Protein backbone atom coordinates (compact mmCIF):
# COMPACT_ATOMS: atom_id res chain seq x y z
CA MET A 1 22.26 2.98 -6.17
CA LYS A 2 19.22 1.56 -4.86
CA ILE A 3 16.38 0.17 -7.42
CA VAL A 4 13.16 -0.66 -6.75
CA ILE A 5 12.25 -4.20 -7.92
CA ASP A 6 9.11 -5.27 -9.25
CA THR A 7 6.91 -8.40 -9.47
CA SER A 8 7.63 -9.51 -12.94
CA SER A 9 11.21 -9.04 -12.56
CA LEU A 10 10.89 -11.43 -9.35
CA LEU A 11 8.67 -13.83 -10.99
CA SER A 12 11.61 -13.80 -14.21
CA LEU A 13 13.99 -14.45 -12.01
CA VAL A 14 12.24 -17.88 -10.47
CA ARG A 15 11.08 -18.92 -13.29
CA TYR A 16 14.13 -18.37 -16.14
CA TYR A 17 17.18 -17.77 -14.48
CA LEU A 18 17.14 -19.45 -10.84
CA PRO A 19 16.91 -22.98 -12.48
CA PHE A 20 20.29 -22.42 -13.94
CA ASP A 21 21.87 -21.31 -11.06
CA GLN A 22 23.34 -24.47 -10.06
CA LYS A 23 25.83 -22.90 -7.38
CA ASN A 24 23.55 -20.17 -5.77
CA LYS A 25 25.71 -17.25 -7.43
CA LEU A 26 22.89 -15.39 -8.42
CA PHE A 27 20.51 -16.07 -5.54
CA ASP A 28 23.34 -15.26 -3.11
CA PHE A 29 24.10 -12.12 -5.16
CA ILE A 30 19.96 -11.00 -5.08
CA LYS A 31 19.73 -12.24 -1.55
CA ALA A 32 22.79 -9.88 -0.36
CA LYS A 33 21.30 -7.06 -2.21
CA ILE A 34 18.04 -7.04 -0.64
CA GLU A 35 19.13 -7.49 2.40
CA ALA A 36 21.58 -4.59 1.78
CA ARG A 37 18.69 -2.62 0.69
CA GLU A 38 20.37 -2.03 -2.77
CA ILE A 39 17.22 -3.60 -3.78
CA ILE A 40 13.88 -2.52 -2.51
CA VAL A 41 11.00 -4.81 -2.17
CA ILE A 42 8.12 -2.51 -1.43
CA ASP A 43 5.10 -4.01 0.53
CA LYS A 44 2.70 -4.09 -2.81
CA VAL A 45 5.30 -6.18 -4.64
CA TYR A 46 5.22 -8.44 -1.66
CA ASP A 47 1.53 -8.60 -1.39
CA GLU A 48 1.49 -9.06 -5.26
CA ALA A 49 4.12 -11.47 -5.49
CA LYS A 50 2.40 -14.00 -2.71
CA PHE A 51 -0.66 -14.79 -5.27
CA LEU A 52 1.02 -14.74 -8.38
CA ALA A 53 1.96 -17.98 -9.89
CA LYS A 54 0.75 -20.07 -6.94
CA GLY A 55 3.06 -17.94 -4.48
CA ILE A 56 6.49 -19.07 -5.97
CA VAL A 57 8.23 -15.76 -5.87
CA ILE A 58 7.95 -15.97 -1.94
CA GLU A 59 8.45 -19.98 -1.98
CA LYS A 60 11.73 -19.45 -3.58
CA PHE A 61 12.93 -16.49 -1.66
CA GLU A 62 11.77 -17.12 1.93
CA TYR A 63 13.67 -14.75 3.46
CA LEU A 64 11.19 -12.04 1.77
CA ARG A 65 8.27 -12.94 4.77
CA ASP A 66 10.56 -10.89 6.88
CA LYS A 67 8.45 -7.86 7.09
CA THR A 68 11.46 -5.92 8.05
CA ILE A 69 12.61 -6.15 4.57
CA HIS A 70 9.76 -4.69 2.93
CA GLN A 71 9.58 -0.85 2.27
CA LYS A 72 6.19 0.52 2.84
CA THR A 73 5.38 2.17 -0.54
CA THR A 74 4.52 5.35 1.34
CA ASN A 75 7.92 5.78 2.58
CA ILE A 76 9.32 5.72 -0.68
CA LEU A 77 6.96 8.19 -2.48
CA PRO A 78 9.21 12.16 -2.86
CA LYS A 79 8.55 14.79 0.08
CA LYS A 80 6.40 17.92 -0.97
CA LYS A 81 9.41 20.15 -1.59
CA PHE A 82 10.70 17.78 -4.32
CA LEU A 83 6.94 18.07 -6.54
CA ILE A 84 6.89 22.01 -5.78
CA ASN A 85 8.96 24.19 -8.11
């Protein structure tokens, strides 16, 4: 299963969950899922995260700076065949 994560979820992870992640288990899990492309970060989410809360999400998840991780918004839209009955 693949999911698309939003900026609010990333911010909640950083603010409320990661401070209690003493052994980096949650951090490593999220990183592995993003790198395996099971959690998708679209380019617009990344752009918003850079400016949200002084960039705390990008500061904590430094690997998100790698452009190869981002999916372009236009690439995740359904094909025209899907929209036509």
